[in-house]
Amino acid sequence: MILYPNVKINLGLKVLRKRQDGYHDLETLFVPYPGIADTLEIITGEDYSRTLAGLKERYNTLTQAISEDGKLMITLARQEGIDWDPLKDLTAKAYFLLSEDYSLPPMKIYLEKRSPVGAGLGGGSSDAAFALRMMATLAGLELSDETLAAYAARLGSDCAFFIYNTPMFGTGRGEILEPFPLNLKGYRIEVVIPQGIAVSTADAYRGIVPEEPQVPLSRILHQPVSTWKDCLENDFEKTVFAKYPALAEVKASLYEKGAVYAAMSGSGSACFGIFPE
């Protein structure tokens, strides 16, 4: 089974308060962005991989690992190389999480990472959510979206969104989701990924002062797109732009190109603009 996990952008991101569990309550609108996607193949047993030969042709080195019980093999490929333990990749964690409650067959994961790391686009979360659905299907588990989303939320705050992969208003840590009637007809989205800048979520939160917005985010999002420039904010821009002034310049350049709205996505570093078609 082969799927192509896409990334997301955030329209508005408000940090409301710090919680007793160490997380923050926030509000944001998650929007899928199909323009950037990874390739994820998962097979069972001795099934033949349809992507492995291509990965060997395109990459000098593939990073592989096998779980201690031998039930999971994972192969990762990325142009910049893999600097994390494959068995701690969120796709592997998805397998281990499901296997706590269900009897899963041995599986092999092949993941080609094209989505950037540390860009606020949720590439790893998307991989995990897609992997959960694929693994459940391959194991013959009839799990509802709500059940899959509950598992996804245990892997990451924005993982649950990718189970639905449609505009969703997120609250709590981002895992409490409600469908949102976003209308961007007549507009297109352009994402810019600055080279050489990766922002850690911990750094992004450093210096954030949580506060309740005067105007609810959902009310702003119901206004015409042409009004968003002056009122739709991502709270992380204050701290991230202070450390990486080049990102503020990227946002400004999107307005110079004709965007009616531009912002940083999530905790950065990717920025996006919304342009009239």
C-alpha atoms as a PDB file:
ATOM      1  CA  MET A   1       0.000   0.000   0.000  1.00  0.00           C
ATOM      2  CA  ILE A   2       1.405   3.380  -1.054  1.00  0.00           C
ATOM      3  CA  LEU A   3       0.096   6.793  -0.003  1.00  0.00           C
ATOM      4  CA  TYR A   4       1.420  10.345  -0.152  1.00  0.00           C
ATOM      5  CA  PRO A   5       1.147  12.139   3.219  1.00  0.00           C
ATOM      6  CA  ASN A   6       0.666  15.853   2.593  1.00  0.00           C
ATOM      7  CA  VAL A   7       1.589  18.736   4.876  1.00  0.00           C
ATOM      8  CA  LYS A   8      -0.590  21.463   6.404  1.00  0.00           C
ATOM      9  CA  ILE A   9      -0.572  25.182   7.064  1.00  0.00           C
ATOM     10  CA  ASN A  10      -2.067  27.078   9.989  1.00  0.00           C
ATOM     11  CA  LEU A  11      -4.453  29.968   9.431  1.00  0.00           C
ATOM     12  CA  GLY A  12      -4.051  31.905  12.635  1.00  0.00           C
ATOM     13  CA  LEU A  13      -2.483  30.449  15.773  1.00  0.00           C
ATOM     14  CA  LYS A  14      -3.308  31.828  19.203  1.00  0.00           C
ATOM     15  CA  VAL A  15      -1.617  30.597  22.386  1.00  0.00           C
ATOM     16  CA  LEU A  16      -4.258  31.035  25.088  1.00  0.00           C
ATOM     17  CA  ARG A  17      -2.822  29.654  28.317  1.00  0.00           C
ATOM     18  CA  LYS A  18      -0.281  27.246  29.801  1.00  0.00           C
ATOM     19  CA  ARG A  19      -1.744  24.037  31.209  1.00  0.00           C
ATOM     20  CA  GLN A  20      -0.829  22.085  34.311  1.00  0.00           C
ATOM     21  CA  ASP A  21       0.465  19.225  32.130  1.00  0.00           C
ATOM     22  CA  GLY A  22       3.084  21.527  30.612  1.00  0.00           C
ATOM     23  CA  TYR A  23       1.325  21.937  27.268  1.00  0.00           C
ATOM     24  CA  HIS A  24      -0.472  25.062  26.064  1.00  0.00           C
ATOM     25  CA  ASP A  25      -4.086  25.555  25.060  1.00  0.00           C
ATOM     26  CA  LEU A  26      -4.291  27.065  21.610  1.00  0.00           C
ATOM     27  CA  GLU A  27      -6.636  27.877  18.755  1.00  0.00           C
ATOM     28  CA  THR A  28      -5.814  27.447  15.089  1.00  0.00           C
ATOM     29  CA  LEU A  29      -7.276  26.434  11.766  1.00  0.00           C
ATOM     30  CA  PHE A  30      -5.487  23.482  10.178  1.00  0.00           C
ATOM     31  CA  VAL A  31      -5.625  23.451   6.383  1.00  0.00           C
ATOM     32  CA  PRO A  32      -4.216  20.616   4.231  1.00  0.00           C
ATOM     33  CA  TYR A  33      -1.632  21.623   1.632  1.00  0.00           C
ATOM     34  CA  PRO A  34      -1.144  18.980  -1.084  1.00  0.00           C
ATOM     35  CA  GLY A  35       1.737  20.802  -2.767  1.00  0.00           C
ATOM     36  CA  ILE A  36       4.319  19.091  -0.526  1.00  0.00           C
ATOM     37  CA  ALA A  37       4.060  15.384   0.285  1.00  0.00           C
ATOM     38  CA  ASP A  38       6.149  12.400   1.332  1.00  0.00           C
ATOM     39  CA  THR A  39       5.904   8.899  -0.133  1.00  0.00           C
ATOM     40  CA  LEU A  40       4.909   6.212   2.337  1.00  0.00           C
ATOM     41  CA  GLU A  41       4.726   2.517   1.500  1.00  0.00           C
ATOM     42  CA  ILE A  42       3.790  -0.127   4.060  1.00  0.00           C
ATOM     43  CA  ILE A  43       3.688  -3.846   3.245  1.00  0.00           C
ATOM     44  CA  THR A  44       3.138  -6.993   5.262  1.00  0.00           C
ATOM     45  CA  GLY A  45       5.190 -10.157   5.519  1.00  0.00           C
ATOM     46  CA  GLU A  46       7.228 -10.946   2.436  1.00  0.00           C
ATOM     47  CA  ASP A  47       5.249  -8.734   0.047  1.00  0.00           C
ATOM     48  CA  TYR A  48       7.309  -7.006  -2.636  1.00  0.00           C
ATOM     49  CA  SER A  49       8.128  -3.301  -2.219  1.00  0.00           C
ATOM     50  CA  ARG A  50       7.207  -1.138  -5.213  1.00  0.00           C
ATOM     51  CA  THR A  51       9.304   1.819  -4.025  1.00  0.00           C
ATOM     52  CA  LEU A  52      12.576   0.306  -2.766  1.00  0.00           C
ATOM     53  CA  ALA A  53      14.271   0.049  -6.168  1.00  0.00           C
ATOM     54  CA  GLY A  54      13.527   3.714  -6.882  1.00  0.00           C
ATOM     55  CA  LEU A  55      14.841   4.777  -3.493  1.00  0.00           C
ATOM     56  CA  LYS A  56      18.113   2.929  -4.124  1.00  0.00           C
ATOM     57  CA  GLU A  57      18.468   4.743  -7.454  1.00  0.00           C
ATOM     58  CA  ARG A  58      17.785   8.225  -6.034  1.00  0.00           C
ATOM     59  CA  TYR A  59      19.689   8.066  -2.750  1.00  0.00           C
ATOM     60  CA  ASN A  60      23.286   7.129  -1.987  1.00  0.00           C
ATOM     61  CA  THR A  61      22.348   5.915   1.483  1.00  0.00           C
ATOM     62  CA  LEU A  62      19.182   4.428   2.934  1.00  0.00           C
ATOM     63  CA  THR A  63      18.747   4.302   6.702  1.00  0.00           C
ATOM     64  CA  GLN A  64      17.219   1.066   7.952  1.00  0.00           C
ATOM     65  CA  ALA A  65      16.402  -0.535  11.286  1.00  0.00           C
ATOM     66  CA  ILE A  66      14.596  -3.615  12.585  1.00  0.00           C
ATOM     67  CA  SER A  67      12.725  -3.829  15.881  1.00  0.00           C
ATOM     68  CA  GLU A  68      14.034  -6.187  18.568  1.00  0.00           C
ATOM     69  CA  ASP A  69      11.214  -8.666  17.983  1.00  0.00           C
ATOM     70  CA  GLY A  70      11.805  -8.559  14.220  1.00  0.00           C
ATOM     71  CA  LYS A  71       8.198  -7.641  13.455  1.00  0.00           C
ATOM     72  CA  LEU A  72       8.935  -4.168  12.058  1.00  0.00           C
ATOM     73  CA  MET A  73      11.495  -3.084   9.504  1.00  0.00           C
ATOM     74  CA  ILE A  74      11.718   0.577   8.552  1.00  0.00           C
ATOM     75  CA  THR A  75      13.625   2.201   5.702  1.00  0.00           C
ATOM     76  CA  LEU A  76      14.030   5.989   5.542  1.00  0.00           C
ATOM     77  CA  ALA A  77      15.349   8.162   2.721  1.00  0.00           C
ATOM     78  CA  ARG A  78      15.941  11.916   2.766  1.00  0.00           C
ATOM     79  CA  GLN A  79      18.075  14.178   0.600  1.00  0.00           C
ATOM     80  CA  GLU A  80      19.689  15.773   3.657  1.00  0.00           C
ATOM     81  CA  GLY A  81      20.202  12.407   5.342  1.00  0.00           C
ATOM     82  CA  ILE A  82      18.530  10.900   8.407  1.00  0.00           C
ATOM     83  CA  ASP A  83      19.758  12.179  11.772  1.00  0.00           C
ATOM     84  CA  TRP A  84      17.275  10.364  14.013  1.00  0.00           C
ATOM     85  CA  ASP A  85      16.752   6.769  15.126  1.00  0.00           C
ATOM     86  CA  PRO A  86      14.421   5.154  12.529  1.00  0.00           C
ATOM     87  CA  LEU A  87      12.684   3.171  15.282  1.00  0.00           C
ATOM     88  CA  LYS A  88      11.775   6.517  16.894  1.00  0.00           C
ATOM     89  CA  ASP A  89      10.275   7.848  13.684  1.00  0.00           C
ATOM     90  CA  LEU A  90       6.589   8.594  14.178  1.00  0.00           C
ATOM     91  CA  THR A  91       5.619   5.938  11.624  1.00  0.00           C
ATOM     92  CA  ALA A  92       7.409   3.295  13.702  1.00  0.00           C
ATOM     93  CA  LYS A  93       5.822   4.680  16.859  1.00  0.00           C
ATOM     94  CA  ALA A  94       2.440   4.323  15.141  1.00  0.00           C
ATOM     95  CA  TYR A  95       3.103   0.591  14.678  1.00  0.00           C
ATOM     96  CA  PHE A  96       4.205   0.126  18.277  1.00  0.00           C
ATOM     97  CA  LEU A  97       1.183   2.078  19.551  1.00  0.00           C
ATOM     98  CA  LEU A  98      -1.355   0.024  17.605  1.00  0.00           C
ATOM     99  CA  SER A  99       0.390  -3.208  18.537  1.00  0.00           C
ATOM    100  CA  GLU A 100      -0.303  -2.471  22.207  1.00  0.00           C
ATOM    101  CA  ASP A 101      -4.008  -3.099  21.574  1.00  0.00           C
ATOM    102  CA  TYR A 102      -4.114  -5.279  18.442  1.00  0.00           C
ATOM    103  CA  SER A 103      -2.270  -8.225  16.984  1.00  0.00           C
ATOM    104  CA  LEU A 104      -0.474  -6.743  13.988  1.00  0.00           C
ATOM    105  CA  PRO A 105       1.314  -8.805  11.344  1.00  0.00           C
ATOM    106  CA  PRO A 106       4.987  -8.117  10.624  1.00  0.00           C
ATOM    107  CA  MET A 107       5.283  -4.971   8.515  1.00  0.00           C
ATOM    108  CA  LYS A 108       7.872  -3.078   6.487  1.00  0.00           C
ATOM    109  CA  ILE A 109       7.800   0.708   6.222  1.00  0.00           C
ATOM    110  CA  TYR A 110       9.427   2.605   3.349  1.00  0.00           C
ATOM    111  CA  LEU A 111       9.337   6.384   3.823  1.00  0.00           C
ATOM    112  CA  GLU A 112      10.759   8.946   1.433  1.00  0.00           C
ATOM    113  CA  LYS A 113      10.912  12.260   3.296  1.00  0.00           C
ATOM    114  CA  ARG A 114      10.393  15.269   1.064  1.00  0.00           C
ATOM    115  CA  SER A 115       8.589  17.477   3.571  1.00  0.00           C
ATOM    116  CA  PRO A 116      11.002  19.696   5.523  1.00  0.00           C
ATOM    117  CA  VAL A 117      11.848  19.157   9.181  1.00  0.00           C
ATOM    118  CA  GLY A 118      11.352  22.073  11.581  1.00  0.00           C
ATOM    119  CA  ALA A 119       9.202  24.063   9.170  1.00  0.00           C
ATOM    120  CA  GLY A 120       5.866  24.054  10.989  1.00  0.00           C
ATOM    121  CA  LEU A 121       4.183  22.037   8.241  1.00  0.00           C
ATOM    122  CA  GLY A 122       3.551  18.863  10.239  1.00  0.00           C
ATOM    123  CA  GLY A 123       5.256  16.450   7.841  1.00  0.00           C
ATOM    124  CA  GLY A 124       6.134  13.923  10.536  1.00  0.00           C
ATOM    125  CA  SER A 125       2.651  14.113  12.030  1.00  0.00           C
ATOM    126  CA  SER A 126       1.140  13.508   8.618  1.00  0.00           C
ATOM    127  CA  ASP A 127       3.344  10.452   8.089  1.00  0.00           C
ATOM    128  CA  ALA A 128       2.197   9.067  11.452  1.00  0.00           C
ATOM    129  CA  ALA A 129      -1.507   9.611  10.781  1.00  0.00           C
ATOM    130  CA  PHE A 130      -1.332   8.079   7.308  1.00  0.00           C
ATOM    131  CA  ALA A 131       0.665   5.162   8.740  1.00  0.00           C
ATOM    132  CA  LEU A 132      -1.987   4.484  11.385  1.00  0.00           C
ATOM    133  CA  ARG A 133      -4.707   4.261   8.753  1.00  0.00           C
ATOM    134  CA  MET A 134      -2.588   2.075   6.454  1.00  0.00           C
ATOM    135  CA  MET A 135      -1.560  -0.291   9.244  1.00  0.00           C
ATOM    136  CA  ALA A 136      -5.133  -0.662  10.448  1.00  0.00           C
ATOM    137  CA  THR A 137      -6.249  -1.477   6.897  1.00  0.00           C
ATOM    138  CA  LEU A 138      -3.452  -3.991   6.331  1.00  0.00           C
ATOM    139  CA  ALA A 139      -4.259  -5.674   9.642  1.00  0.00           C
ATOM    140  CA  GLY A 140      -7.956  -5.889   8.797  1.00  0.00           C
ATOM    141  CA  LEU A 141      -8.946  -3.582  11.650  1.00  0.00           C
ATOM    142  CA  GLU A 142     -12.167  -1.674  11.094  1.00  0.00           C
ATOM    143  CA  LEU A 143     -11.283   1.445  13.068  1.00  0.00           C
ATOM    144  CA  SER A 144     -13.357   4.614  12.794  1.00  0.00           C
ATOM    145  CA  ASP A 145     -11.818   8.008  12.088  1.00  0.00           C
ATOM    146  CA  GLU A 146     -12.557   8.956  15.696  1.00  0.00           C
ATOM    147  CA  THR A 147     -10.626   5.933  16.991  1.00  0.00           C
ATOM    148  CA  LEU A 148      -7.705   6.565  14.652  1.00  0.00           C
ATOM    149  CA  ALA A 149      -7.676  10.240  15.656  1.00  0.00           C
ATOM    150  CA  ALA A 150      -7.499   9.254  19.328  1.00  0.00           C
ATOM    151  CA  TYR A 151      -4.431   7.120  18.610  1.00  0.00           C
ATOM    152  CA  ALA A 152      -2.938   9.897  16.469  1.00  0.00           C
ATOM    153  CA  ALA A 153      -3.349  12.448  19.255  1.00  0.00           C
ATOM    154  CA  ARG A 154      -1.141  10.266  21.451  1.00  0.00           C
ATOM    155  CA  LEU A 155       1.656  10.574  18.876  1.00  0.00           C
ATOM    156  CA  GLY A 156       1.558  14.365  18.477  1.00  0.00           C
ATOM    157  CA  SER A 157      -0.616  17.409  18.991  1.00  0.00           C
ATOM    158  CA  ASP A 158      -1.408  17.934  15.308  1.00  0.00           C
ATOM    159  CA  CYS A 159      -1.412  14.273  14.235  1.00  0.00           C
ATOM    160  CA  ALA A 160      -5.161  13.868  14.656  1.00  0.00           C
ATOM    161  CA  PHE A 161      -5.861  16.549  12.065  1.00  0.00           C
ATOM    162  CA  PHE A 162      -4.277  14.435   9.332  1.00  0.00           C
ATOM    163  CA  ILE A 163      -6.720  11.595   9.965  1.00  0.00           C
ATOM    164  CA  TYR A 164      -9.462  13.882   8.645  1.00  0.00           C
ATOM    165  CA  ASN A 165      -7.213  15.938   6.300  1.00  0.00           C
ATOM    166  CA  THR A 166      -9.816  18.622   5.698  1.00  0.00           C
ATOM    167  CA  PRO A 167      -9.996  22.145   7.203  1.00  0.00           C
ATOM    168  CA  MET A 168     -10.451  21.687  10.939  1.00  0.00           C
ATOM    169  CA  PHE A 169     -10.575  24.205  13.785  1.00  0.00           C
ATOM    170  CA  GLY A 170      -8.224  22.954  16.486  1.00  0.00           C
ATOM    171  CA  THR A 171      -8.362  23.676  20.212  1.00  0.00           C
ATOM    172  CA  GLY A 172      -6.783  22.122  23.293  1.00  0.00           C
ATOM    173  CA  ARG A 173      -3.263  21.084  22.292  1.00  0.00           C
ATOM    174  CA  GLY A 174      -4.581  21.044  18.737  1.00  0.00           C
ATOM    175  CA  GLU A 175      -6.100  17.578  19.054  1.00  0.00           C
ATOM    176  CA  ILE A 176      -9.689  18.742  19.686  1.00  0.00           C
ATOM    177  CA  LEU A 177     -11.045  19.235  16.190  1.00  0.00           C
ATOM    178  CA  GLU A 178     -14.191  20.573  14.566  1.00  0.00           C
ATOM    179  CA  PRO A 179     -14.876  20.846  10.818  1.00  0.00           C
ATOM    180  CA  PHE A 180     -14.626  24.422   9.558  1.00  0.00           C
ATOM    181  CA  PRO A 181     -16.348  25.777   6.413  1.00  0.00           C
ATOM    182  CA  LEU A 182     -13.273  27.441   4.896  1.00  0.00           C
ATOM    183  CA  ASN A 183     -13.921  29.069   1.524  1.00  0.00           C
ATOM    184  CA  LEU A 184     -10.808  29.955  -0.474  1.00  0.00           C
ATOM    185  CA  LYS A 185     -12.498  29.824  -3.871  1.00  0.00           C
ATOM    186  CA  GLY A 186     -10.690  32.188  -6.199  1.00  0.00           C
ATOM    187  CA  TYR A 187      -7.434  31.994  -4.247  1.00  0.00           C
ATOM    188  CA  ARG A 188      -4.297  29.862  -4.331  1.00  0.00           C
ATOM    189  CA  ILE A 189      -1.760  29.134  -1.610  1.00  0.00           C
ATOM    190  CA  GLU A 190       2.001  29.382  -2.130  1.00  0.00           C
ATOM    191  CA  VAL A 191       4.384  27.959   0.491  1.00  0.00           C
ATOM    192  CA  VAL A 192       7.985  29.155   0.850  1.00  0.00           C
ATOM    193  CA  ILE A 193      10.523  27.054   2.785  1.00  0.00           C
ATOM    194  CA  PRO A 194      13.588  29.129   3.740  1.00  0.00           C
ATOM    195  CA  GLN A 195      16.783  27.150   3.326  1.00  0.00           C
ATOM    196  CA  GLY A 196      18.975  26.496   6.320  1.00  0.00           C
ATOM    197  CA  ILE A 197      16.434  27.483   8.985  1.00  0.00           C
ATOM    198  CA  ALA A 198      14.749  24.858  11.153  1.00  0.00           C
ATOM    199  CA  VAL A 199      12.780  26.045  14.169  1.00  0.00           C
ATOM    200  CA  SER A 200      12.268  23.845  17.215  1.00  0.00           C
ATOM    201  CA  THR A 201       8.870  24.066  18.879  1.00  0.00           C
ATOM    202  CA  ALA A 202      10.552  24.594  22.255  1.00  0.00           C
ATOM    203  CA  ASP A 203      12.411  27.639  20.902  1.00  0.00           C
ATOM    204  CA  ALA A 204       9.214  28.989  19.397  1.00  0.00           C
ATOM    205  CA  TYR A 205       7.394  28.817  22.752  1.00  0.00           C
ATOM    206  CA  ARG A 206      10.283  30.518  24.559  1.00  0.00           C
ATOM    207  CA  GLY A 207       9.171  34.098  25.182  1.00  0.00           C
ATOM    208  CA  ILE A 208       5.510  33.501  24.312  1.00  0.00           C
ATOM    209  CA  VAL A 209       3.092  35.303  26.634  1.00  0.00           C
ATOM    210  CA  PRO A 210      -0.257  33.460  26.442  1.00  0.00           C
ATOM    211  CA  GLU A 211      -3.374  35.615  26.315  1.00  0.00           C
ATOM    212  CA  GLU A 212      -7.015  35.404  25.332  1.00  0.00           C
ATOM    213  CA  PRO A 213      -7.678  37.236  22.044  1.00  0.00           C
ATOM    214  CA  GLN A 214     -10.034  40.202  22.065  1.00  0.00           C
ATOM    215  CA  VAL A 215     -11.735  38.860  18.947  1.00  0.00           C
ATOM    216  CA  PRO A 216     -12.226  35.061  18.738  1.00  0.00           C
ATOM    217  CA  LEU A 217     -10.129  33.464  16.016  1.00  0.00           C
ATOM    218  CA  SER A 218     -13.138  31.684  14.549  1.00  0.00           C
ATOM    219  CA  ARG A 219     -14.908  35.025  14.049  1.00  0.00           C
ATOM    220  CA  ILE A 220     -11.924  36.452  12.180  1.00  0.00           C
ATOM    221  CA  LEU A 221     -11.749  33.379   9.943  1.00  0.00           C
ATOM    222  CA  HIS A 222     -15.372  33.907   8.914  1.00  0.00           C
ATOM    223  CA  GLN A 223     -14.480  37.372   7.616  1.00  0.00           C
ATOM    224  CA  PRO A 224     -13.430  37.916   3.972  1.00  0.00           C
ATOM    225  CA  VAL A 225      -9.841  36.869   3.209  1.00  0.00           C
ATOM    226  CA  SER A 226      -9.086  40.457   2.192  1.00  0.00           C
ATOM    227  CA  THR A 227      -9.492  41.544   5.842  1.00  0.00           C
ATOM    228  CA  TRP A 228      -7.152  38.983   7.392  1.00  0.00           C
ATOM    229  CA  LYS A 229      -3.915  40.935   6.930  1.00  0.00           C
ATOM    230  CA  ASP A 230      -4.670  43.270   9.823  1.00  0.00           C
ATOM    231  CA  CYS A 231      -6.250  40.837  12.280  1.00  0.00           C
ATOM    232  CA  LEU A 232      -5.345  37.170  11.644  1.00  0.00           C
ATOM    233  CA  GLU A 233      -2.193  36.473  13.663  1.00  0.00           C
ATOM    234  CA  ASN A 234       0.225  33.663  14.411  1.00  0.00           C
ATOM    235  CA  ASP A 235       1.519  34.322  17.935  1.00  0.00           C
ATOM    236  CA  PHE A 236       4.756  32.451  17.219  1.00  0.00           C
ATOM    237  CA  GLU A 237       5.856  35.073  14.701  1.00  0.00           C
ATOM    238  CA  LYS A 238       6.862  37.443  17.520  1.00  0.00           C
ATOM    239  CA  THR A 239       9.434  35.101  19.041  1.00  0.00           C
ATOM    240  CA  VAL A 240      10.553  33.318  15.875  1.00  0.00           C
ATOM    241  CA  PHE A 241      10.989  36.469  13.766  1.00  0.00           C
ATOM    242  CA  ALA A 242      13.057  38.014  16.569  1.00  0.00           C
ATOM    243  CA  LYS A 243      15.509  35.110  16.362  1.00  0.00           C
ATOM    244  CA  TYR A 244      15.298  34.677  12.569  1.00  0.00           C
ATOM    245  CA  PRO A 245      14.750  38.105  10.948  1.00  0.00           C
ATOM    246  CA  ALA A 246      15.075  36.483   7.517  1.00  0.00           C
ATOM    247  CA  LEU A 247      11.663  34.882   8.042  1.00  0.00           C
ATOM    248  CA  ALA A 248      10.042  38.297   8.492  1.00  0.00           C
ATOM    249  CA  GLU A 249      11.621  39.248   5.180  1.00  0.00           C
ATOM    250  CA  VAL A 250      10.126  36.143   3.528  1.00  0.00           C
ATOM    251  CA  LYS A 251       6.677  37.098   4.791  1.00  0.00           C
ATOM    252  CA  ALA A 252       7.131  40.677   3.545  1.00  0.00           C
ATOM    253  CA  SER A 253       8.243  39.392   0.133  1.00  0.00           C
ATOM    254  CA  LEU A 254       4.996  37.443  -0.233  1.00  0.00           C
ATOM    255  CA  TYR A 255       3.025  40.657   0.232  1.00  0.00           C
ATOM    256  CA  GLU A 256       5.296  42.362  -2.299  1.00  0.00           C
ATOM    257  CA  LYS A 257       4.422  39.607  -4.777  1.00  0.00           C
ATOM    258  CA  GLY A 258       0.713  40.329  -4.375  1.00  0.00           C
ATOM    259  CA  ALA A 259      -0.484  38.096  -1.542  1.00  0.00           C
ATOM    260  CA  VAL A 260      -3.673  39.295   0.156  1.00  0.00           C
ATOM    261  CA  TYR A 261      -2.562  37.440   3.284  1.00  0.00           C
ATOM    262  CA  ALA A 262       0.778  36.006   4.403  1.00  0.00           C
ATOM    263  CA  ALA A 263       1.957  34.340   7.586  1.00  0.00           C
ATOM    264  CA  MET A 264       4.313  31.810   9.106  1.00  0.00           C
ATOM    265  CA  SER A 265       2.902  28.303   9.439  1.00  0.00           C
ATOM    266  CA  GLY A 266       2.788  26.755  12.898  1.00  0.00           C
ATOM    267  CA  SER A 267       5.991  27.359  14.838  1.00  0.00           C
ATOM    268  CA  GLY A 268       7.948  27.998  11.600  1.00  0.00           C
ATOM    269  CA  SER A 269      10.036  28.230   9.552  1.00  0.00           C
ATOM    270  CA  ALA A 270       7.826  27.882   6.455  1.00  0.00           C
ATOM    271  CA  CYS A 271       5.797  30.891   5.379  1.00  0.00           C
ATOM    272  CA  PHE A 272       2.856  31.016   2.995  1.00  0.00           C
ATOM    273  CA  GLY A 273       0.887  33.533   1.008  1.00  0.00           C
ATOM    274  CA  ILE A 274      -2.677  33.494  -0.232  1.00  0.00           C
ATOM    275  CA  PHE A 275      -2.932  34.960  -3.735  1.00  0.00           C
ATOM    276  CA  PRO A 276      -5.878  35.762  -5.987  1.00  0.00           C
ATOM    277  CA  GLU A 277      -6.066  33.279  -8.865  1.00  0.00           C
END
